[in-house]
Amino acid sequence: MIAVIKTGGKQYKVAVGDKIKIEKLEEKEGEKIDFSEVLFLGDEKNIQLGNPLVKGAKVEGKVLNTAKEKKVVGIKFKAKKRYKVKFGHRQIMSEVEITKIT
């Protein structure tokens, strides 16, 4: 069975046993988390589409760790103006293992 969940303003396609990296969660390592915003639920025979959410559907997961990702570097540059700015950002991400889809 697969599901499409919404968290952190993004959508993720998940199945039981998948490990996904999502934006920082408040839960600590080892804690359980419930994703109640399920947009799609289905397998080979049955499909449930939400309008916008599937009623009664829930995806459970376990937080494995929280760490920073690799640095993303950007540059602003204006020609003939002696303007050049380099900047970087490291996003904090949580790794979650999906344990149950109901």
PDB file of N, CA and C in Angstrom:
ATOM      1  N   MET A   1       0.842  -1.180   0.000  1.00  0.00           N
ATOM      2  CA  MET A   1       0.000   0.000   0.000  1.00  0.00           C
ATOM      3  C   MET A   1       0.884   1.239   0.000  1.00  0.00           C
ATOM      4  N   ILE A   2       0.490   2.227  -0.786  1.00  0.00           N
ATOM      5  CA  ILE A   2       1.223   3.482  -0.819  1.00  0.00           C
ATOM      6  C   ILE A   2       0.286   4.618  -0.414  1.00  0.00           C
ATOM      7  N   ALA A   3       0.894   5.722  -0.023  1.00  0.00           N
ATOM      8  CA  ALA A   3       0.136   6.903   0.366  1.00  0.00           C
ATOM      9  C   ALA A   3       0.917   8.140  -0.054  1.00  0.00           C
ATOM     10  N   VAL A   4       0.197   9.225  -0.240  1.00  0.00           N
ATOM     11  CA  VAL A   4       0.815  10.518  -0.479  1.00  0.00           C
ATOM     12  C   VAL A   4       0.444  11.396   0.699  1.00  0.00           C
ATOM     13  N   ILE A   5       1.481  11.860   1.424  1.00  0.00           N
ATOM     14  CA  ILE A   5       1.240  12.691   2.609  1.00  0.00           C
ATOM     15  C   ILE A   5       1.738  14.102   2.341  1.00  0.00           C
ATOM     16  N   LYS A   6       1.222  15.035   3.120  1.00  0.00           N
ATOM     17  CA  LYS A   6       1.627  16.429   3.003  1.00  0.00           C
ATOM     18  C   LYS A   6       2.205  16.865   4.344  1.00  0.00           C
ATOM     19  N   THR A   7       3.439  17.384   4.312  1.00  0.00           N
ATOM     20  CA  THR A   7       4.075  17.905   5.516  1.00  0.00           C
ATOM     21  C   THR A   7       5.124  18.921   5.118  1.00  0.00           C
ATOM     22  N   GLY A   8       5.223  19.987   5.866  1.00  0.00           N
ATOM     23  CA  GLY A   8       6.215  21.014   5.575  1.00  0.00           C
ATOM     24  C   GLY A   8       5.994  21.713   4.252  1.00  0.00           C
ATOM     25  N   GLY A   9       4.739  21.755   3.774  1.00  0.00           N
ATOM     26  CA  GLY A   9       4.436  22.407   2.508  1.00  0.00           C
ATOM     27  C   GLY A   9       4.803  21.585   1.292  1.00  0.00           C
ATOM     28  N   LYS A  10       5.210  20.331   1.481  1.00  0.00           N
ATOM     29  CA  LYS A  10       5.594  19.467   0.370  1.00  0.00           C
ATOM     30  C   LYS A  10       4.811  18.160   0.442  1.00  0.00           C
ATOM     31  N   GLN A  11       4.770  17.433  -0.667  1.00  0.00           N
ATOM     32  CA  GLN A  11       4.075  16.164  -0.715  1.00  0.00           C
ATOM     33  C   GLN A  11       5.082  15.044  -0.933  1.00  0.00           C
ATOM     34  N   TYR A  12       4.873  13.913  -0.244  1.00  0.00           N
ATOM     35  CA  TYR A  12       5.778  12.772  -0.315  1.00  0.00           C
ATOM     36  C   TYR A  12       4.992  11.499  -0.579  1.00  0.00           C
ATOM     37  N   LYS A  13       5.482  10.685  -1.520  1.00  0.00           N
ATOM     38  CA  LYS A  13       4.901   9.370  -1.785  1.00  0.00           C
ATOM     39  C   LYS A  13       5.626   8.373  -0.896  1.00  0.00           C
ATOM     40  N   VAL A  14       4.882   7.657  -0.025  1.00  0.00           N
ATOM     41  CA  VAL A  14       5.508   6.772   0.950  1.00  0.00           C
ATOM     42  C   VAL A  14       4.852   5.399   0.934  1.00  0.00           C
ATOM     43  N   ALA A  15       5.613   4.414   1.397  1.00  0.00           N
ATOM     44  CA  ALA A  15       5.125   3.057   1.622  1.00  0.00           C
ATOM     45  C   ALA A  15       5.720   2.592   2.949  1.00  0.00           C
ATOM     46  N   VAL A  16       5.210   1.507   3.478  1.00  0.00           N
ATOM     47  CA  VAL A  16       5.718   0.990   4.751  1.00  0.00           C
ATOM     48  C   VAL A  16       7.177   0.577   4.579  1.00  0.00           C
ATOM     49  N   GLY A  17       8.024   1.031   5.497  1.00  0.00           N
ATOM     50  CA  GLY A  17       9.443   0.715   5.453  1.00  0.00           C
ATOM     51  C   GLY A  17      10.294   1.775   4.778  1.00  0.00           C
ATOM     52  N   ASP A  18       9.672   2.757   4.126  1.00  0.00           N
ATOM     53  CA  ASP A  18      10.431   3.818   3.464  1.00  0.00           C
ATOM     54  C   ASP A  18      11.061   4.753   4.490  1.00  0.00           C
ATOM     55  N   LYS A  19      12.226   5.281   4.142  1.00  0.00           N
ATOM     56  CA  LYS A  19      12.892   6.303   4.947  1.00  0.00           C
ATOM     57  C   LYS A  19      12.918   7.576   4.115  1.00  0.00           C
ATOM     58  N   ILE A  20      12.313   8.643   4.637  1.00  0.00           N
ATOM     59  CA  ILE A  20      12.249   9.901   3.905  1.00  0.00           C
ATOM     60  C   ILE A  20      12.877  11.011   4.732  1.00  0.00           C
ATOM     61  N   LYS A  21      13.403  12.022   4.039  1.00  0.00           N
ATOM     62  CA  LYS A  21      13.948  13.206   4.705  1.00  0.00           C
ATOM     63  C   LYS A  21      12.976  14.351   4.469  1.00  0.00           C
ATOM     64  N   ILE A  22      12.490  14.917   5.580  1.00  0.00           N
ATOM     65  CA  ILE A  22      11.542  16.021   5.500  1.00  0.00           C
ATOM     66  C   ILE A  22      12.066  17.176   6.344  1.00  0.00           C
ATOM     67  N   GLU A  23      11.437  18.331   6.202  1.00  0.00           N
ATOM     68  CA  GLU A  23      11.876  19.485   6.959  1.00  0.00           C
ATOM     69  C   GLU A  23      11.719  19.230   8.446  1.00  0.00           C
ATOM     70  N   LYS A  24      12.485  19.969   9.244  1.00  0.00           N
ATOM     71  CA  LYS A  24      12.633  19.740  10.683  1.00  0.00           C
ATOM     72  C   LYS A  24      11.293  19.540  11.395  1.00  0.00           C
ATOM     73  N   LEU A  25      11.262  18.507  12.220  1.00  0.00           N
ATOM     74  CA  LEU A  25      10.107  18.209  13.064  1.00  0.00           C
ATOM     75  C   LEU A  25      10.461  18.504  14.517  1.00  0.00           C
ATOM     76  N   GLU A  26       9.453  18.799  15.326  1.00  0.00           N
ATOM     77  CA  GLU A  26       9.682  19.109  16.738  1.00  0.00           C
ATOM     78  C   GLU A  26       9.939  17.855  17.580  1.00  0.00           C
ATOM     79  N   GLU A  27       9.544  16.680  17.079  1.00  0.00           N
ATOM     80  CA  GLU A  27       9.727  15.444  17.825  1.00  0.00           C
ATOM     81  C   GLU A  27      11.212  15.091  17.923  1.00  0.00           C
ATOM     82  N   LYS A  28      11.584  14.450  19.031  1.00  0.00           N
ATOM     83  CA  LYS A  28      12.966  14.032  19.235  1.00  0.00           C
ATOM     84  C   LYS A  28      13.200  12.671  18.582  1.00  0.00           C
ATOM     85  N   GLU A  29      14.470  12.268  18.518  1.00  0.00           N
ATOM     86  CA  GLU A  29      14.827  10.990  17.912  1.00  0.00           C
ATOM     87  C   GLU A  29      14.180   9.835  18.672  1.00  0.00           C
ATOM     88  N   GLY A  30      13.628   8.884  17.943  1.00  0.00           N
ATOM     89  CA  GLY A  30      12.997   7.715  18.541  1.00  0.00           C
ATOM     90  C   GLY A  30      11.517   7.889  18.813  1.00  0.00           C
ATOM     91  N   GLU A  31      10.993   9.108  18.743  1.00  0.00           N
ATOM     92  CA  GLU A  31       9.572   9.337  19.007  1.00  0.00           C
ATOM     93  C   GLU A  31       8.732   9.000  17.788  1.00  0.00           C
ATOM     94  N   LYS A  32       7.460   8.664  18.041  1.00  0.00           N
ATOM     95  CA  LYS A  32       6.529   8.372  16.960  1.00  0.00           C
ATOM     96  C   LYS A  32       5.860   9.659  16.498  1.00  0.00           C
ATOM     97  N   ILE A  33       5.471   9.680  15.226  1.00  0.00           N
ATOM     98  CA  ILE A  33       4.783  10.841  14.665  1.00  0.00           C
ATOM     99  C   ILE A  33       3.655  10.354  13.774  1.00  0.00           C
ATOM    100  N   ASP A  34       2.537  11.077  13.794  1.00  0.00           N
ATOM    101  CA  ASP A  34       1.386  10.743  12.963  1.00  0.00           C
ATOM    102  C   ASP A  34       1.205  11.828  11.909  1.00  0.00           C
ATOM    103  N   PHE A  35       1.048  11.405  10.661  1.00  0.00           N
ATOM    104  CA  PHE A  35       0.752  12.317   9.567  1.00  0.00           C
ATOM    105  C   PHE A  35      -0.722  12.141   9.237  1.00  0.00           C
ATOM    106  N   SER A  36      -1.541  13.139   9.562  1.00  0.00           N
ATOM    107  CA  SER A  36      -2.981  13.022   9.326  1.00  0.00           C
ATOM    108  C   SER A  36      -3.400  13.626   7.988  1.00  0.00           C
ATOM    109  N   GLU A  37      -2.522  14.399   7.358  1.00  0.00           N
ATOM    110  CA  GLU A  37      -2.844  14.995   6.058  1.00  0.00           C
ATOM    111  C   GLU A  37      -2.463  14.017   4.948  1.00  0.00           C
ATOM    112  N   VAL A  38      -3.363  13.072   4.673  1.00  0.00           N
ATOM    113  CA  VAL A  38      -3.149  12.057   3.645  1.00  0.00           C
ATOM    114  C   VAL A  38      -3.971  12.454   2.424  1.00  0.00           C
ATOM    115  N   LEU A  39      -3.298  12.631   1.285  1.00  0.00           N
ATOM    116  CA  LEU A  39      -3.962  13.081   0.060  1.00  0.00           C
ATOM    117  C   LEU A  39      -4.399  11.922  -0.837  1.00  0.00           C
ATOM    118  N   PHE A  40      -3.702  10.780  -0.748  1.00  0.00           N
ATOM    119  CA  PHE A  40      -3.978   9.623  -1.604  1.00  0.00           C
ATOM    120  C   PHE A  40      -3.653   8.366  -0.820  1.00  0.00           C
ATOM    121  N   LEU A  41      -4.447   7.335  -1.025  1.00  0.00           N
ATOM    122  CA  LEU A  41      -4.221   6.051  -0.374  1.00  0.00           C
ATOM    123  C   LEU A  41      -4.607   4.975  -1.370  1.00  0.00           C
ATOM    124  N   GLY A  42      -3.732   3.978  -1.574  1.00  0.00           N
ATOM    125  CA  GLY A  42      -4.109   2.957  -2.531  1.00  0.00           C
ATOM    126  C   GLY A  42      -3.140   1.806  -2.627  1.00  0.00           C
ATOM    127  N   ASP A  43      -3.596   0.745  -3.291  1.00  0.00           N
ATOM    128  CA  ASP A  43      -2.781  -0.414  -3.627  1.00  0.00           C
ATOM    129  C   ASP A  43      -3.207  -0.867  -5.019  1.00  0.00           C
ATOM    130  N   GLU A  44      -2.932  -2.130  -5.376  1.00  0.00           N
ATOM    131  CA  GLU A  44      -3.245  -2.591  -6.728  1.00  0.00           C
ATOM    132  C   GLU A  44      -4.747  -2.591  -7.026  1.00  0.00           C
ATOM    133  N   LYS A  45      -5.590  -2.823  -6.017  1.00  0.00           N
ATOM    134  CA  LYS A  45      -7.015  -2.990  -6.250  1.00  0.00           C
ATOM    135  C   LYS A  45      -7.850  -1.771  -5.862  1.00  0.00           C
ATOM    136  N   ASN A  46      -7.528  -1.129  -4.753  1.00  0.00           N
ATOM    137  CA  ASN A  46      -8.349  -0.036  -4.245  1.00  0.00           C
ATOM    138  C   ASN A  46      -7.583   1.284  -4.276  1.00  0.00           C
ATOM    139  N   ILE A  47      -8.307   2.355  -4.619  1.00  0.00           N
ATOM    140  CA  ILE A  47      -7.734   3.695  -4.634  1.00  0.00           C
ATOM    141  C   ILE A  47      -8.680   4.625  -3.893  1.00  0.00           C
ATOM    142  N   GLN A  48      -8.123   5.469  -3.020  1.00  0.00           N
ATOM    143  CA  GLN A  48      -8.910   6.491  -2.338  1.00  0.00           C
ATOM    144  C   GLN A  48      -8.236   7.835  -2.575  1.00  0.00           C
ATOM    145  N   LEU A  49      -8.961   8.738  -3.219  1.00  0.00           N
ATOM    146  CA  LEU A  49      -8.469  10.085  -3.439  1.00  0.00           C
ATOM    147  C   LEU A  49      -9.132  11.023  -2.450  1.00  0.00           C
ATOM    148  N   GLY A  50      -8.372  11.943  -1.923  1.00  0.00           N
ATOM    149  CA  GLY A  50      -8.913  12.912  -0.981  1.00  0.00           C
ATOM    150  C   GLY A  50      -9.470  14.123  -1.694  1.00  0.00           C
ATOM    151  N   ASN A  51     -10.366  14.805  -1.006  1.00  0.00           N
ATOM    152  CA  ASN A  51     -10.940  16.031  -1.560  1.00  0.00           C
ATOM    153  C   ASN A  51     -11.005  17.095  -0.471  1.00  0.00           C
ATOM    154  N   PRO A  52      -9.944  17.682   0.018  1.00  0.00           N
ATOM    155  CA  PRO A  52      -8.552  17.473  -0.362  1.00  0.00           C
ATOM    156  C   PRO A  52      -7.869  16.348   0.413  1.00  0.00           C
ATOM    157  N   LEU A  53      -8.442  15.888   1.557  1.00  0.00           N
ATOM    158  CA  LEU A  53      -7.805  14.847   2.363  1.00  0.00           C
ATOM    159  C   LEU A  53      -8.676  13.597   2.404  1.00  0.00           C
ATOM    160  N   VAL A  54      -8.049  12.434   2.593  1.00  0.00           N
ATOM    161  CA  VAL A  54      -8.766  11.169   2.755  1.00  0.00           C
ATOM    162  C   VAL A  54      -9.245  11.091   4.203  1.00  0.00           C
ATOM    163  N   LYS A  55     -10.540  10.919   4.389  1.00  0.00           N
ATOM    164  CA  LYS A  55     -11.105  10.880   5.736  1.00  0.00           C
ATOM    165  C   LYS A  55     -10.706   9.596   6.454  1.00  0.00           C
ATOM    166  N   GLY A  56     -10.249   9.717   7.695  1.00  0.00           N
ATOM    167  CA  GLY A  56      -9.907   8.561   8.518  1.00  0.00           C
ATOM    168  C   GLY A  56      -8.565   7.931   8.201  1.00  0.00           C
ATOM    169  N   ALA A  57      -7.841   8.456   7.244  1.00  0.00           N
ATOM    170  CA  ALA A  57      -6.540   7.881   6.891  1.00  0.00           C
ATOM    171  C   ALA A  57      -5.449   8.494   7.762  1.00  0.00           C
ATOM    172  N   LYS A  58      -4.463   7.651   8.094  1.00  0.00           N
ATOM    173  CA  LYS A  58      -3.368   8.115   8.939  1.00  0.00           C
ATOM    174  C   LYS A  58      -2.106   7.338   8.583  1.00  0.00           C
ATOM    175  N   VAL A  59      -0.975   8.029   8.578  1.00  0.00           N
ATOM    176  CA  VAL A  59       0.315   7.404   8.333  1.00  0.00           C
ATOM    177  C   VAL A  59       1.160   7.628   9.586  1.00  0.00           C
ATOM    178  N   GLU A  60       1.711   6.525  10.113  1.00  0.00           N
ATOM    179  CA  GLU A  60       2.535   6.606  11.309  1.00  0.00           C
ATOM    180  C   GLU A  60       3.995   6.414  10.945  1.00  0.00           C
ATOM    181  N   GLY A  61       4.858   7.114  11.661  1.00  0.00           N
ATOM    182  CA  GLY A  61       6.288   7.010  11.403  1.00  0.00           C
ATOM    183  C   GLY A  61       7.080   7.158  12.679  1.00  0.00           C
ATOM    184  N   LYS A  62       8.381   6.946  12.557  1.00  0.00           N
ATOM    185  CA  LYS A  62       9.291   7.051  13.695  1.00  0.00           C
ATOM    186  C   LYS A  62      10.458   7.932  13.273  1.00  0.00           C
ATOM    187  N   VAL A  63      10.782   8.942  14.086  1.00  0.00           N
ATOM    188  CA  VAL A  63      11.873   9.856  13.778  1.00  0.00           C
ATOM    189  C   VAL A  63      13.194   9.145  14.066  1.00  0.00           C
ATOM    190  N   LEU A  64      14.048   9.030  13.042  1.00  0.00           N
ATOM    191  CA  LEU A  64      15.338   8.361  13.207  1.00  0.00           C
ATOM    192  C   LEU A  64      16.419   9.333  13.674  1.00  0.00           C
ATOM    193  N   ASN A  65      16.548  10.475  12.982  1.00  0.00           N
ATOM    194  CA  ASN A  65      17.505  11.487  13.430  1.00  0.00           C
ATOM    195  C   ASN A  65      17.168  12.832  12.816  1.00  0.00           C
ATOM    196  N   THR A  66      17.776  13.882  13.355  1.00  0.00           N
ATOM    197  CA  THR A  66      17.619  15.238  12.856  1.00  0.00           C
ATOM    198  C   THR A  66      19.009  15.824  12.673  1.00  0.00           C
ATOM    199  N   ALA A  67      19.308  16.304  11.465  1.00  0.00           N
ATOM    200  CA  ALA A  67      20.644  16.833  11.175  1.00  0.00           C
ATOM    201  C   ALA A  67      20.548  17.865  10.063  1.00  0.00           C
ATOM    202  N   LYS A  68      21.674  18.557   9.825  1.00  0.00           N
ATOM    203  CA  LYS A  68      21.730  19.536   8.756  1.00  0.00           C
ATOM    204  C   LYS A  68      22.119  18.858   7.448  1.00  0.00           C
ATOM    205  N   GLU A  69      21.565  19.353   6.360  1.00  0.00           N
ATOM    206  CA  GLU A  69      21.889  18.877   5.025  1.00  0.00           C
ATOM    207  C   GLU A  69      23.171  19.532   4.540  1.00  0.00           C
ATOM    208  N   LYS A  70      23.606  19.172   3.332  1.00  0.00           N
ATOM    209  CA  LYS A  70      24.755  19.822   2.718  1.00  0.00           C
ATOM    210  C   LYS A  70      24.415  21.269   2.402  1.00  0.00           C
ATOM    211  N   LYS A  71      25.453  22.102   2.344  1.00  0.00           N
ATOM    212  CA  LYS A  71      25.252  23.523   2.101  1.00  0.00           C
ATOM    213  C   LYS A  71      24.839  23.783   0.655  1.00  0.00           C
ATOM    214  N   VAL A  72      23.857  24.661   0.495  1.00  0.00           N
ATOM    215  CA  VAL A  72      23.427  25.139  -0.810  1.00  0.00           C
ATOM    216  C   VAL A  72      24.012  26.536  -0.964  1.00  0.00           C
ATOM    217  N   VAL A  73      24.760  26.771  -2.042  1.00  0.00           N
ATOM    218  CA  VAL A  73      25.451  28.042  -2.241  1.00  0.00           C
ATOM    219  C   VAL A  73      24.824  28.784  -3.409  1.00  0.00           C
ATOM    220  N   GLY A  74      24.651  30.105  -3.232  1.00  0.00           N
ATOM    221  CA  GLY A  74      24.119  30.944  -4.300  1.00  0.00           C
ATOM    222  C   GLY A  74      24.956  32.204  -4.439  1.00  0.00           C
ATOM    223  N   ILE A  75      24.830  32.854  -5.584  1.00  0.00           N
ATOM    224  CA  ILE A  75      25.586  34.068  -5.861  1.00  0.00           C
ATOM    225  C   ILE A  75      24.653  35.104  -6.474  1.00  0.00           C
ATOM    226  N   LYS A  76      24.758  36.346  -5.991  1.00  0.00           N
ATOM    227  CA  LYS A  76      24.104  37.488  -6.630  1.00  0.00           C
ATOM    228  C   LYS A  76      25.199  38.303  -7.308  1.00  0.00           C
ATOM    229  N   PHE A  77      24.952  38.741  -8.539  1.00  0.00           N
ATOM    230  CA  PHE A  77      25.974  39.463  -9.288  1.00  0.00           C
ATOM    231  C   PHE A  77      25.312  40.484 -10.194  1.00  0.00           C
ATOM    232  N   LYS A  78      25.834  41.697 -10.202  1.00  0.00           N
ATOM    233  CA  LYS A  78      25.367  42.734 -11.116  1.00  0.00           C
ATOM    234  C   LYS A  78      26.547  43.219 -11.936  1.00  0.00           C
ATOM    235  N   ALA A  79      26.434  43.113 -13.233  1.00  0.00           N
ATOM    236  CA  ALA A  79      27.527  43.473 -14.130  1.00  0.00           C
ATOM    237  C   ALA A  79      27.797  44.979 -14.090  1.00  0.00           C
ATOM    238  N   LYS A  80      29.056  45.340 -14.155  1.00  0.00           N
ATOM    239  CA  LYS A  80      29.529  46.724 -14.245  1.00  0.00           C
ATOM    240  C   LYS A  80      29.188  47.566 -13.020  1.00  0.00           C
ATOM    241  N   LYS A  81      28.791  46.968 -11.916  1.00  0.00           N
ATOM    242  CA  LYS A  81      28.440  47.718 -10.710  1.00  0.00           C
ATOM    243  C   LYS A  81      29.313  47.347  -9.514  1.00  0.00           C
ATOM    244  N   ARG A  82      30.289  46.471  -9.708  1.00  0.00           N
ATOM    245  CA  ARG A  82      31.157  45.983  -8.642  1.00  0.00           C
ATOM    246  C   ARG A  82      30.346  45.403  -7.477  1.00  0.00           C
ATOM    247  N   TYR A  83      29.310  44.656  -7.817  1.00  0.00           N
ATOM    248  CA  TYR A  83      28.441  44.053  -6.815  1.00  0.00           C
ATOM    249  C   TYR A  83      28.466  42.545  -6.988  1.00  0.00           C
ATOM    250  N   LYS A  84      28.896  41.848  -5.950  1.00  0.00           N
ATOM    251  CA  LYS A  84      28.901  40.389  -5.959  1.00  0.00           C
ATOM    252  C   LYS A  84      28.725  39.910  -4.525  1.00  0.00           C
ATOM    253  N   VAL A  85      27.718  39.071  -4.292  1.00  0.00           N
ATOM    254  CA  VAL A  85      27.430  38.544  -2.961  1.00  0.00           C
ATOM    255  C   VAL A  85      27.310  37.027  -3.065  1.00  0.00           C
ATOM    256  N   LYS A  86      28.021  36.334  -2.207  1.00  0.00           N
ATOM    257  CA  LYS A  86      27.941  34.878  -2.135  1.00  0.00           C
ATOM    258  C   LYS A  86      27.260  34.526  -0.821  1.00  0.00           C
ATOM    259  N   PHE A  87      26.303  33.613  -0.864  1.00  0.00           N
ATOM    260  CA  PHE A  87      25.587  33.225   0.349  1.00  0.00           C
ATOM    261  C   PHE A  87      25.388  31.724   0.367  1.00  0.00           C
ATOM    262  N   GLY A  88      25.144  31.178   1.554  1.00  0.00           N
ATOM    263  CA  GLY A  88      24.926  29.748   1.714  1.00  0.00           C
ATOM    264  C   GLY A  88      23.866  29.477   2.763  1.00  0.00           C
ATOM    265  N   HIS A  89      23.323  28.261   2.714  1.00  0.00           N
ATOM    266  CA  HIS A  89      22.269  27.888   3.650  1.00  0.00           C
ATOM    267  C   HIS A  89      22.314  26.379   3.884  1.00  0.00           C
ATOM    268  N   ARG A  90      22.191  25.965   5.144  1.00  0.00           N
ATOM    269  CA  ARG A  90      22.090  24.542   5.480  1.00  0.00           C
ATOM    270  C   ARG A  90      20.755  24.304   6.156  1.00  0.00           C
ATOM    271  N   GLN A  91      19.884  23.547   5.492  1.00  0.00           N
ATOM    272  CA  GLN A  91      18.553  23.263   6.008  1.00  0.00           C
ATOM    273  C   GLN A  91      18.610  22.121   7.019  1.00  0.00           C
ATOM    274  N   ILE A  92      17.866  22.253   8.114  1.00  0.00           N
ATOM    275  CA  ILE A  92      17.763  21.177   9.104  1.00  0.00           C
ATOM    276  C   ILE A  92      16.676  20.211   8.640  1.00  0.00           C
ATOM    277  N   MET A  93      17.035  18.917   8.521  1.00  0.00           N
ATOM    278  CA  MET A  93      16.120  17.901   8.023  1.00  0.00           C
ATOM    279  C   MET A  93      15.969  16.784   9.056  1.00  0.00           C
ATOM    280  N   SER A  94      14.796  16.177   9.082  1.00  0.00           N
ATOM    281  CA  SER A  94      14.529  15.027   9.939  1.00  0.00           C
ATOM    282  C   SER A  94      14.345  13.804   9.056  1.00  0.00           C
ATOM    283  N   GLU A  95      14.960  12.679   9.453  1.00  0.00           N
ATOM    284  CA  GLU A  95      14.778  11.429   8.725  1.00  0.00           C
ATOM    285  C   GLU A  95      13.713  10.617   9.449  1.00  0.00           C
ATOM    286  N   VAL A  96      12.706  10.189   8.697  1.00  0.00           N
ATOM    287  CA  VAL A  96      11.561   9.478   9.275  1.00  0.00           C
ATOM    288  C   VAL A  96      11.394   8.144   8.556  1.00  0.00           C
ATOM    289  N   GLU A  97      11.165   7.093   9.345  1.00  0.00           N
ATOM    290  CA  GLU A  97      10.859   5.771   8.780  1.00  0.00           C
ATOM    291  C   GLU A  97       9.359   5.537   8.924  1.00  0.00           C
ATOM    292  N   ILE A  98       8.696   5.184   7.829  1.00  0.00           N
ATOM    293  CA  ILE A  98       7.256   4.939   7.839  1.00  0.00           C
ATOM    294  C   ILE A  98       7.006   3.539   8.390  1.00  0.00           C
ATOM    295  N   THR A  99       6.176   3.452   9.448  1.00  0.00           N
ATOM    296  CA  THR A  99       5.937   2.174  10.105  1.00  0.00           C
ATOM    297  C   THR A  99       4.559   1.581   9.814  1.00  0.00           C
ATOM    298  N   LYS A 100       3.543   2.450   9.567  1.00  0.00           N
ATOM    299  CA  LYS A 100       2.185   1.928   9.418  1.00  0.00           C
ATOM    300  C   LYS A 100       1.342   2.889   8.593  1.00  0.00           C
ATOM    301  N   ILE A 101       0.518   2.340   7.708  1.00  0.00           N
ATOM    302  CA  ILE A 101      -0.442   3.130   6.930  1.00  0.00           C
ATOM    303  C   ILE A 101      -1.819   2.553   7.193  1.00  0.00           C
ATOM    304  N   THR A 102      -2.730   3.406   7.690  1.00  0.00           N
ATOM    305  CA  THR A 102      -4.106   2.947   7.976  1.00  0.00           C
ATOM    306  C   THR A 102      -5.118   3.869   7.331  1.00  0.00           C
TER     307      THR A 102
END
